[in-house]
């Protein structure tokens, strides 16, 4: 009786791919770069599997995934900046909104909210939005805007990031 190593390795590989994709999906939910992990898992699968396999993805699909992920990242990042720009904010306010969003997301992940299971996710989302608000407002104050005007622009960055 022979041991079916090829079938076992194939099954383990597909199982690992599925686990990697689930982990990447969870990463996306909490604001981490899950799209890029999904692409890496798919590229690894495309490289490892023979082209005639029914599980093969193919390199054109990987290229399309890269394009779509880049568009998604640009849209998500640009929404906070668009909120600043819409109200006449400066480039400094836009850059500070993006940076503040990142810092706020990291702080929100660490602090979280006292809600079981989804507290960290909500902490990241709210932290990113508050960070965008703070970053845009500080950037506009630094540029010489009044406090009220800076807060108004920061408020637009908050909603842009929250909806993004």
N, C-alpha and C. Protein backbone atom coordinates (compact mmCIF):
# COMPACT_ATOMS: atom_id res chain seq x y z
N UNK A 1 0.84 -1.16 0.00
CA UNK A 1 0.00 0.00 0.00
C UNK A 1 0.90 1.24 0.00
N UNK A 2 0.68 2.14 -0.94
CA UNK A 2 1.51 3.33 -1.04
C UNK A 2 0.84 4.50 -0.30
N UNK A 3 1.68 5.36 0.19
CA UNK A 3 1.21 6.52 0.94
C UNK A 3 0.98 7.67 -0.04
N UNK A 4 -0.23 8.24 -0.10
CA UNK A 4 -0.55 9.28 -1.09
C UNK A 4 -0.01 10.67 -0.71
N UNK A 5 1.32 10.82 -0.76
CA UNK A 5 1.93 12.08 -0.33
C UNK A 5 1.51 13.26 -1.19
N UNK A 6 1.42 13.07 -2.49
CA UNK A 6 1.09 14.20 -3.35
C UNK A 6 -0.31 14.73 -3.04
N UNK A 7 -1.26 13.84 -2.83
CA UNK A 7 -2.62 14.28 -2.51
C UNK A 7 -2.68 14.98 -1.15
N UNK A 8 -1.94 14.46 -0.19
CA UNK A 8 -1.93 15.06 1.15
C UNK A 8 -1.29 16.45 1.10
N UNK A 9 -0.18 16.58 0.38
CA UNK A 9 0.48 17.89 0.26
C UNK A 9 -0.41 18.89 -0.47
N UNK A 10 -1.11 18.41 -1.49
CA UNK A 10 -2.01 19.27 -2.24
C UNK A 10 -3.13 19.77 -1.33
N UNK A 11 -3.72 18.87 -0.56
CA UNK A 11 -4.80 19.24 0.36
C UNK A 11 -4.31 20.19 1.44
N UNK A 12 -3.13 19.93 1.98
CA UNK A 12 -2.55 20.84 2.97
C UNK A 12 -2.29 22.22 2.38
N UNK A 13 -1.81 22.26 1.15
CA UNK A 13 -1.54 23.54 0.50
C UNK A 13 -2.80 24.35 0.28
N UNK A 14 -3.86 23.70 -0.17
CA UNK A 14 -5.14 24.41 -0.36
C UNK A 14 -5.69 24.86 0.99
N UNK A 15 -5.57 24.02 2.01
CA UNK A 15 -6.03 24.41 3.35
C UNK A 15 -5.26 25.60 3.89
N UNK A 16 -3.95 25.61 3.69
CA UNK A 16 -3.13 26.75 4.13
C UNK A 16 -3.50 28.02 3.37
N UNK A 17 -3.79 27.88 2.08
CA UNK A 17 -4.23 29.03 1.29
C UNK A 17 -5.53 29.59 1.83
N UNK A 18 -6.46 28.72 2.13
CA UNK A 18 -7.74 29.19 2.67
C UNK A 18 -7.56 29.87 4.03
N UNK A 19 -6.73 29.29 4.89
CA UNK A 19 -6.46 29.93 6.18
C UNK A 19 -5.78 31.29 6.01
N UNK A 20 -4.86 31.37 5.06
CA UNK A 20 -4.20 32.65 4.78
C UNK A 20 -5.18 33.70 4.28
N UNK A 21 -6.11 33.29 3.44
CA UNK A 21 -7.11 34.23 2.92
C UNK A 21 -8.07 34.69 4.02
N UNK A 22 -8.44 33.78 4.90
CA UNK A 22 -9.30 34.16 6.02
C UNK A 22 -8.56 35.13 6.94
N UNK A 23 -7.30 34.85 7.22
CA UNK A 23 -6.51 35.76 8.06
C UNK A 23 -6.38 37.13 7.40
N UNK A 24 -6.18 37.17 6.09
CA UNK A 24 -6.07 38.44 5.38
C UNK A 24 -7.39 39.21 5.43
N UNK A 25 -8.49 38.50 5.34
CA UNK A 25 -9.80 39.13 5.43
C UNK A 25 -9.99 39.77 6.81
N UNK A 26 -9.61 39.05 7.86
CA UNK A 26 -9.70 39.59 9.22
C UNK A 26 -8.78 40.81 9.35
N UNK A 27 -7.60 40.74 8.75
CA UNK A 27 -6.69 41.89 8.78
C UNK A 27 -7.34 43.11 8.14
N UNK A 28 -8.03 42.91 7.02
CA UNK A 28 -8.70 44.03 6.35
C UNK A 28 -9.77 44.63 7.23
N UNK A 29 -10.47 43.79 8.00
CA UNK A 29 -11.51 44.30 8.88
C UNK A 29 -10.96 45.23 9.95
N UNK A 30 -9.74 44.99 10.39
CA UNK A 30 -9.17 45.82 11.45
C UNK A 30 -8.21 46.89 10.92
N UNK A 31 -8.26 47.15 9.64
CA UNK A 31 -7.48 48.25 9.09
C UNK A 31 -6.05 47.91 8.71
N UNK A 32 -5.68 46.66 8.72
CA UNK A 32 -4.34 46.26 8.31
C UNK A 32 -4.34 45.92 6.81
N UNK A 33 -3.18 45.82 6.18
CA UNK A 33 -3.13 45.61 4.73
C UNK A 33 -3.47 44.18 4.29
N UNK A 34 -4.69 43.77 4.55
CA UNK A 34 -5.14 42.43 4.20
C UNK A 34 -5.19 42.17 2.71
N UNK A 35 -5.50 43.20 1.91
CA UNK A 35 -5.56 43.01 0.46
C UNK A 35 -4.22 42.51 -0.09
N UNK A 36 -3.14 43.06 0.42
CA UNK A 36 -1.82 42.68 -0.08
C UNK A 36 -1.44 41.28 0.38
N UNK A 37 -1.91 40.88 1.55
CA UNK A 37 -1.67 39.51 2.01
C UNK A 37 -2.46 38.53 1.14
N UNK A 38 -3.69 38.90 0.77
CA UNK A 38 -4.48 38.06 -0.13
C UNK A 38 -3.77 37.88 -1.47
N UNK A 39 -3.20 38.94 -1.97
CA UNK A 39 -2.49 38.86 -3.24
C UNK A 39 -1.26 37.96 -3.10
N UNK A 40 -0.56 38.08 -1.98
CA UNK A 40 0.62 37.24 -1.76
C UNK A 40 0.23 35.76 -1.69
N UNK A 41 -0.87 35.46 -1.00
CA UNK A 41 -1.34 34.07 -0.92
C UNK A 41 -1.72 33.56 -2.31
N UNK A 42 -2.44 34.38 -3.07
CA UNK A 42 -2.85 33.98 -4.42
C UNK A 42 -1.64 33.80 -5.33
N UNK A 43 -0.65 34.68 -5.21
CA UNK A 43 0.56 34.56 -6.04
C UNK A 43 1.33 33.30 -5.68
N UNK A 44 1.41 33.00 -4.41
CA UNK A 44 2.08 31.77 -3.97
C UNK A 44 1.36 30.54 -4.52
N UNK A 45 0.04 30.58 -4.48
CA UNK A 45 -0.73 29.47 -5.03
C UNK A 45 -0.54 29.36 -6.54
N UNK A 46 -0.53 30.48 -7.23
CA UNK A 46 -0.32 30.46 -8.68
C UNK A 46 1.06 29.92 -9.04
N UNK A 47 2.03 30.24 -8.22
CA UNK A 47 3.40 29.78 -8.47
C UNK A 47 3.56 28.30 -8.15
N UNK A 48 2.91 27.83 -7.07
CA UNK A 48 3.09 26.46 -6.61
C UNK A 48 2.29 25.42 -7.40
N UNK A 49 1.12 25.78 -7.87
CA UNK A 49 0.26 24.80 -8.53
C UNK A 49 0.57 24.70 -10.02
N UNK A 50 0.41 23.51 -10.58
CA UNK A 50 0.61 23.38 -12.02
C UNK A 50 -0.49 24.13 -12.79
N UNK A 51 -0.15 24.66 -13.97
CA UNK A 51 -1.13 25.45 -14.73
C UNK A 51 -2.38 24.68 -15.14
N UNK A 52 -2.30 23.37 -15.21
CA UNK A 52 -3.47 22.60 -15.63
C UNK A 52 -4.36 22.19 -14.46
N UNK A 53 -4.02 22.61 -13.24
CA UNK A 53 -4.82 22.28 -12.06
C UNK A 53 -6.10 23.10 -12.04
N UNK A 54 -7.17 22.51 -11.56
CA UNK A 54 -8.42 23.26 -11.48
C UNK A 54 -8.37 24.32 -10.38
N UNK A 55 -7.39 24.27 -9.50
CA UNK A 55 -7.22 25.25 -8.43
C UNK A 55 -6.26 26.37 -8.81
N UNK A 56 -5.65 26.30 -9.99
CA UNK A 56 -4.70 27.32 -10.40
C UNK A 56 -5.41 28.65 -10.65
N UNK A 57 -4.79 29.72 -10.22
CA UNK A 57 -5.39 31.05 -10.36
C UNK A 57 -4.94 31.71 -11.66
N UNK A 58 -3.66 31.69 -11.94
CA UNK A 58 -3.15 32.31 -13.16
C UNK A 58 -2.64 33.71 -12.91
N UNK A 59 -1.58 34.07 -13.62
CA UNK A 59 -0.93 35.37 -13.41
C UNK A 59 -1.75 36.56 -13.89
N UNK A 60 -2.57 36.44 -14.93
CA UNK A 60 -3.41 37.59 -15.29
C UNK A 60 -4.39 37.97 -14.16
N UNK A 61 -4.89 36.98 -13.45
CA UNK A 61 -5.78 37.25 -12.34
C UNK A 61 -5.02 37.94 -11.20
N UNK A 62 -3.79 37.51 -10.96
CA UNK A 62 -2.96 38.15 -9.93
C UNK A 62 -2.72 39.61 -10.30
N UNK A 63 -2.42 39.88 -11.56
CA UNK A 63 -2.20 41.26 -12.01
C UNK A 63 -3.46 42.10 -11.81
N UNK A 64 -4.62 41.54 -12.11
CA UNK A 64 -5.88 42.27 -11.91
C UNK A 64 -6.11 42.53 -10.42
N UNK A 65 -5.76 41.57 -9.58
CA UNK A 65 -5.90 41.76 -8.13
C UNK A 65 -5.02 42.91 -7.65
N UNK A 66 -3.80 43.00 -8.18
CA UNK A 66 -2.88 44.08 -7.78
C UNK A 66 -3.47 45.44 -8.18
N UNK A 67 -4.00 45.52 -9.39
CA UNK A 67 -4.58 46.78 -9.86
C UNK A 67 -5.78 47.17 -8.99
N UNK A 68 -6.66 46.21 -8.70
CA UNK A 68 -7.83 46.51 -7.89
C UNK A 68 -7.45 46.89 -6.45
N UNK A 69 -6.46 46.21 -5.89
CA UNK A 69 -6.01 46.55 -4.53
C UNK A 69 -5.41 47.95 -4.50
N UNK A 70 -4.63 48.31 -5.51
CA UNK A 70 -4.04 49.65 -5.56
C UNK A 70 -5.13 50.72 -5.68
N UNK A 71 -6.14 50.44 -6.49
CA UNK A 71 -7.25 51.39 -6.62
C UNK A 71 -7.98 51.53 -5.28
N UNK A 72 -8.23 50.41 -4.62
CA UNK A 72 -8.90 50.44 -3.32
C UNK A 72 -8.12 51.21 -2.28
N UNK A 73 -6.81 51.00 -2.24
CA UNK A 73 -5.97 51.73 -1.29
C UNK A 73 -6.00 53.23 -1.58
N UNK A 74 -5.93 53.58 -2.86
CA UNK A 74 -5.95 54.99 -3.23
C UNK A 74 -7.27 55.65 -2.86
N UNK A 75 -8.37 54.94 -3.09
CA UNK A 75 -9.68 55.49 -2.74
C UNK A 75 -9.81 55.65 -1.23
N UNK A 76 -9.43 54.63 -0.49
CA UNK A 76 -9.56 54.68 0.96
C UNK A 76 -8.70 55.79 1.56
N UNK A 77 -7.47 55.90 1.09
CA UNK A 77 -6.58 56.94 1.60
C UNK A 77 -7.02 58.32 1.16
N UNK A 78 -7.54 58.40 -0.05
CA UNK A 78 -7.91 59.69 -0.60
C UNK A 78 -9.18 60.29 -0.04
N UNK A 79 -10.03 59.49 0.60
CA UNK A 79 -11.29 60.04 1.09
C UNK A 79 -11.11 61.04 2.22
N UNK A 80 -10.20 60.78 3.12
CA UNK A 80 -9.94 61.75 4.18
C UNK A 80 -9.35 63.02 3.58
N UNK A 81 -8.43 62.85 2.65
CA UNK A 81 -7.83 64.01 1.99
C UNK A 81 -8.88 64.77 1.17
N UNK A 82 -9.82 64.04 0.58
CA UNK A 82 -10.88 64.69 -0.20
C UNK A 82 -11.78 65.53 0.70
N UNK A 83 -12.01 65.04 1.93
CA UNK A 83 -12.80 65.82 2.87
C UNK A 83 -12.13 67.15 3.19
N UNK A 84 -10.82 67.12 3.32
CA UNK A 84 -10.06 68.35 3.58
C UNK A 84 -10.12 69.26 2.36
N UNK A 85 -9.88 68.69 1.20
CA UNK A 85 -9.84 69.47 -0.04
C UNK A 85 -11.20 70.10 -0.35
N UNK A 86 -12.27 69.37 -0.07
CA UNK A 86 -13.62 69.84 -0.38
C UNK A 86 -13.92 71.17 0.31
N UNK A 87 -13.39 71.35 1.48
CA UNK A 87 -13.63 72.59 2.21
C UNK A 87 -12.52 73.61 2.03
N UNK A 88 -11.65 73.37 1.07
CA UNK A 88 -10.60 74.33 0.79
C UNK A 88 -9.38 74.20 1.67
N UNK A 89 -9.19 73.04 2.24
CA UNK A 89 -8.03 72.81 3.09
C UNK A 89 -6.75 72.75 2.28
N UNK A 90 -5.64 72.87 2.96
CA UNK A 90 -4.33 72.89 2.31
C UNK A 90 -3.78 71.48 2.11
N UNK A 91 -2.71 71.40 1.34
CA UNK A 91 -2.02 70.13 1.15
C UNK A 91 -1.46 69.63 2.48
N UNK A 92 -1.01 70.54 3.31
CA UNK A 92 -0.50 70.17 4.62
C UNK A 92 -1.60 69.51 5.46
N UNK A 93 -2.80 70.06 5.40
CA UNK A 93 -3.93 69.48 6.12
C UNK A 93 -4.27 68.09 5.60
N UNK A 94 -4.17 67.90 4.29
CA UNK A 94 -4.45 66.58 3.71
C UNK A 94 -3.42 65.55 4.16
N UNK A 95 -2.14 65.93 4.10
CA UNK A 95 -1.08 65.00 4.51
C UNK A 95 -1.20 64.69 6.00
N UNK A 96 -1.47 65.71 6.79
CA UNK A 96 -1.62 65.50 8.23
C UNK A 96 -2.85 64.64 8.54
N UNK A 97 -3.92 64.76 7.74
CA UNK A 97 -5.10 63.92 7.94
C UNK A 97 -4.77 62.46 7.68
N UNK A 98 -4.00 62.19 6.65
CA UNK A 98 -3.60 60.81 6.34
C UNK A 98 -2.71 60.25 7.45
N UNK A 99 -1.71 61.04 7.86
CA UNK A 99 -0.83 60.60 8.95
C UNK A 99 -1.57 60.43 10.26
N UNK A 100 -2.46 61.37 10.57
CA UNK A 100 -3.25 61.28 11.79
C UNK A 100 -4.18 60.08 11.77
N UNK A 101 -4.67 59.75 10.60
CA UNK A 101 -5.54 58.59 10.45
C UNK A 101 -4.78 57.31 10.79
N UNK A 102 -3.56 57.22 10.31
CA UNK A 102 -2.74 56.03 10.59
C UNK A 102 -2.43 55.92 12.08
N UNK A 103 -2.00 57.03 12.68
CA UNK A 103 -1.67 57.03 14.11
C UNK A 103 -2.92 56.73 14.94
N UNK A 104 -4.05 57.32 14.56
CA UNK A 104 -5.30 57.07 15.28
C UNK A 104 -5.74 55.62 15.19
N UNK A 105 -5.53 55.00 14.02
CA UNK A 105 -5.90 53.59 13.86
C UNK A 105 -5.03 52.71 14.76
N UNK A 106 -3.74 53.01 14.85
CA UNK A 106 -2.86 52.22 15.71
C UNK A 106 -3.23 52.39 17.19
N UNK A 107 -3.53 53.63 17.59
CA UNK A 107 -3.95 53.86 18.97
C UNK A 107 -5.30 53.18 19.25
N UNK A 108 -6.21 53.27 18.30
CA UNK A 108 -7.51 52.63 18.45
C UNK A 108 -7.40 51.12 18.55
N UNK A 109 -6.45 50.55 17.82
CA UNK A 109 -6.24 49.10 17.91
C UNK A 109 -5.72 48.72 19.29
N UNK A 110 -4.85 49.54 19.83
CA UNK A 110 -4.30 49.25 21.15
C UNK A 110 -5.29 49.46 22.28
N UNK A 111 -6.08 50.50 22.15
CA UNK A 111 -7.04 50.82 23.20
C UNK A 111 -8.31 49.98 23.04
N UNK A 112 -8.84 49.95 21.83
CA UNK A 112 -10.08 49.21 21.59
C UNK A 112 -11.25 49.83 22.32
N UNK A 113 -12.38 49.19 22.23
CA UNK A 113 -13.57 49.62 22.95
C UNK A 113 -14.06 48.46 23.80
N UNK A 114 -14.75 48.73 24.88
CA UNK A 114 -15.19 47.63 25.76
C UNK A 114 -16.39 46.86 25.19
N UNK A 115 -16.31 46.50 23.93
CA UNK A 115 -17.34 45.70 23.29
C UNK A 115 -16.71 44.36 22.94
N UNK A 116 -17.26 43.27 23.42
CA UNK A 116 -16.66 41.97 23.14
C UNK A 116 -16.50 41.71 21.65
N UNK A 117 -15.43 41.10 21.28
CA UNK A 117 -15.06 40.64 19.94
C UNK A 117 -14.80 41.78 18.97
N UNK A 118 -15.74 42.69 18.80
CA UNK A 118 -15.56 43.73 17.78
C UNK A 118 -15.01 45.04 18.34
N UNK A 119 -14.65 45.07 19.61
CA UNK A 119 -14.15 46.30 20.23
C UNK A 119 -12.91 46.85 19.55
N UNK A 120 -11.97 45.98 19.20
CA UNK A 120 -10.76 46.44 18.53
C UNK A 120 -11.06 46.99 17.15
N UNK A 121 -11.96 46.34 16.43
CA UNK A 121 -12.33 46.81 15.08
C UNK A 121 -12.95 48.20 15.17
N UNK A 122 -13.88 48.37 16.09
CA UNK A 122 -14.51 49.68 16.26
C UNK A 122 -13.49 50.72 16.74
N UNK A 123 -12.56 50.30 17.60
CA UNK A 123 -11.51 51.20 18.06
C UNK A 123 -10.64 51.69 16.91
N UNK A 124 -10.32 50.80 15.99
CA UNK A 124 -9.50 51.18 14.83
C UNK A 124 -10.25 52.14 13.93
N UNK A 125 -11.50 51.84 13.66
CA UNK A 125 -12.29 52.69 12.75
C UNK A 125 -12.47 54.08 13.35
N UNK A 126 -12.87 54.14 14.61
CA UNK A 126 -13.10 55.43 15.25
C UNK A 126 -11.77 56.16 15.48
N UNK A 127 -10.73 55.41 15.85
CA UNK A 127 -9.42 56.02 16.04
C UNK A 127 -8.87 56.63 14.75
N UNK A 128 -9.06 55.92 13.63
CA UNK A 128 -8.59 56.45 12.34
C UNK A 128 -9.34 57.73 11.98
N UNK A 129 -10.65 57.75 12.22
CA UNK A 129 -11.44 58.94 11.89
C UNK A 129 -11.05 60.12 12.79
N UNK A 130 -10.89 59.84 14.09
CA UNK A 130 -10.47 60.92 15.01
C UNK A 130 -9.05 61.40 14.70
N UNK A 131 -8.19 60.47 14.29
CA UNK A 131 -6.84 60.86 13.90
C UNK A 131 -6.83 61.75 12.67
N UNK A 132 -7.71 61.43 11.71
CA UNK A 132 -7.82 62.28 10.52
C UNK A 132 -8.31 63.67 10.89
N UNK A 133 -9.28 63.73 11.80
CA UNK A 133 -9.77 65.02 12.27
C UNK A 133 -8.65 65.82 12.92
N UNK A 134 -7.95 65.19 13.85
CA UNK A 134 -6.87 65.88 14.56
C UNK A 134 -5.75 66.30 13.60
N UNK A 135 -5.37 65.39 12.72
CA UNK A 135 -4.28 65.71 11.78
C UNK A 135 -4.63 66.87 10.87
N UNK A 136 -5.84 66.84 10.31
CA UNK A 136 -6.25 67.92 9.41
C UNK A 136 -6.36 69.25 10.16
N UNK A 137 -6.93 69.21 11.36
CA UNK A 137 -7.08 70.45 12.13
C UNK A 137 -5.72 71.03 12.51
N UNK A 138 -4.79 70.19 12.95
CA UNK A 138 -3.45 70.67 13.31
C UNK A 138 -2.74 71.21 12.07
N UNK A 139 -2.88 70.50 10.95
CA UNK A 139 -2.25 70.97 9.71
C UNK A 139 -2.77 72.32 9.28
N UNK A 140 -4.07 72.53 9.42
CA UNK A 140 -4.66 73.82 9.03
C UNK A 140 -4.31 74.93 10.02
N UNK A 141 -4.25 74.59 11.31
CA UNK A 141 -3.80 75.59 12.29
C UNK A 141 -2.37 76.00 12.01
N UNK A 142 -1.55 75.03 11.69
CA UNK A 142 -0.14 75.27 11.38
C UNK A 142 -0.02 76.16 10.14
N UNK A 143 -0.94 76.00 9.22
CA UNK A 143 -0.93 76.78 7.99
C UNK A 143 -1.45 78.21 8.21
N UNK A 144 -2.06 78.46 9.38
CA UNK A 144 -2.50 79.82 9.68
C UNK A 144 -4.01 80.01 9.68
N UNK A 145 -4.78 78.94 9.56
CA UNK A 145 -6.24 79.06 9.60
C UNK A 145 -6.69 79.35 11.03
N UNK A 146 -7.90 79.86 11.16
CA UNK A 146 -8.47 80.06 12.48
C UNK A 146 -8.84 78.71 13.09
N UNK A 147 -9.03 78.69 14.40
CA UNK A 147 -9.37 77.44 15.08
C UNK A 147 -10.68 76.87 14.55
N UNK A 148 -11.70 77.72 14.41
CA UNK A 148 -13.00 77.24 13.93
C UNK A 148 -12.91 76.68 12.52
N UNK A 149 -12.19 77.37 11.66
CA UNK A 149 -12.03 76.90 10.27
C UNK A 149 -11.24 75.60 10.24
N UNK A 150 -10.20 75.49 11.05
CA UNK A 150 -9.41 74.26 11.12
C UNK A 150 -10.25 73.09 11.60
N UNK A 151 -11.10 73.35 12.60
CA UNK A 151 -11.97 72.31 13.12
C UNK A 151 -13.01 71.88 12.08
N UNK A 152 -13.50 72.83 11.32
CA UNK A 152 -14.46 72.51 10.25
C UNK A 152 -13.80 71.61 9.19
N UNK A 153 -12.59 71.91 8.82
CA UNK A 153 -11.87 71.09 7.84
C UNK A 153 -11.55 69.72 8.44
N UNK A 154 -11.17 69.69 9.71
CA UNK A 154 -10.93 68.42 10.38
C UNK A 154 -12.18 67.57 10.46
N UNK A 155 -13.32 68.20 10.66
CA UNK A 155 -14.60 67.49 10.70
C UNK A 155 -14.87 66.82 9.34
N UNK A 156 -14.56 67.51 8.26
CA UNK A 156 -14.74 66.92 6.92
C UNK A 156 -13.80 65.73 6.73
N UNK A 157 -12.57 65.84 7.24
CA UNK A 157 -11.63 64.72 7.16
C UNK A 157 -12.13 63.53 7.98
N UNK A 158 -12.73 63.82 9.14
CA UNK A 158 -13.30 62.78 9.99
C UNK A 158 -14.34 61.97 9.22
N UNK A 159 -15.29 62.66 8.61
CA UNK A 159 -16.36 61.95 7.89
C UNK A 159 -15.84 61.27 6.64
N UNK A 160 -14.87 61.86 5.97
CA UNK A 160 -14.28 61.21 4.80
C UNK A 160 -13.61 59.91 5.17
N UNK A 161 -12.86 59.91 6.25
CA UNK A 161 -12.16 58.70 6.69
C UNK A 161 -13.14 57.68 7.25
N UNK A 162 -14.12 58.13 8.00
CA UNK A 162 -15.10 57.20 8.57
C UNK A 162 -15.88 56.49 7.47
N UNK A 163 -16.27 57.21 6.45
CA UNK A 163 -17.01 56.60 5.35
C UNK A 163 -16.10 55.77 4.45
N UNK A 164 -14.79 56.08 4.46
CA UNK A 164 -13.84 55.33 3.65
C UNK A 164 -13.63 53.95 4.21
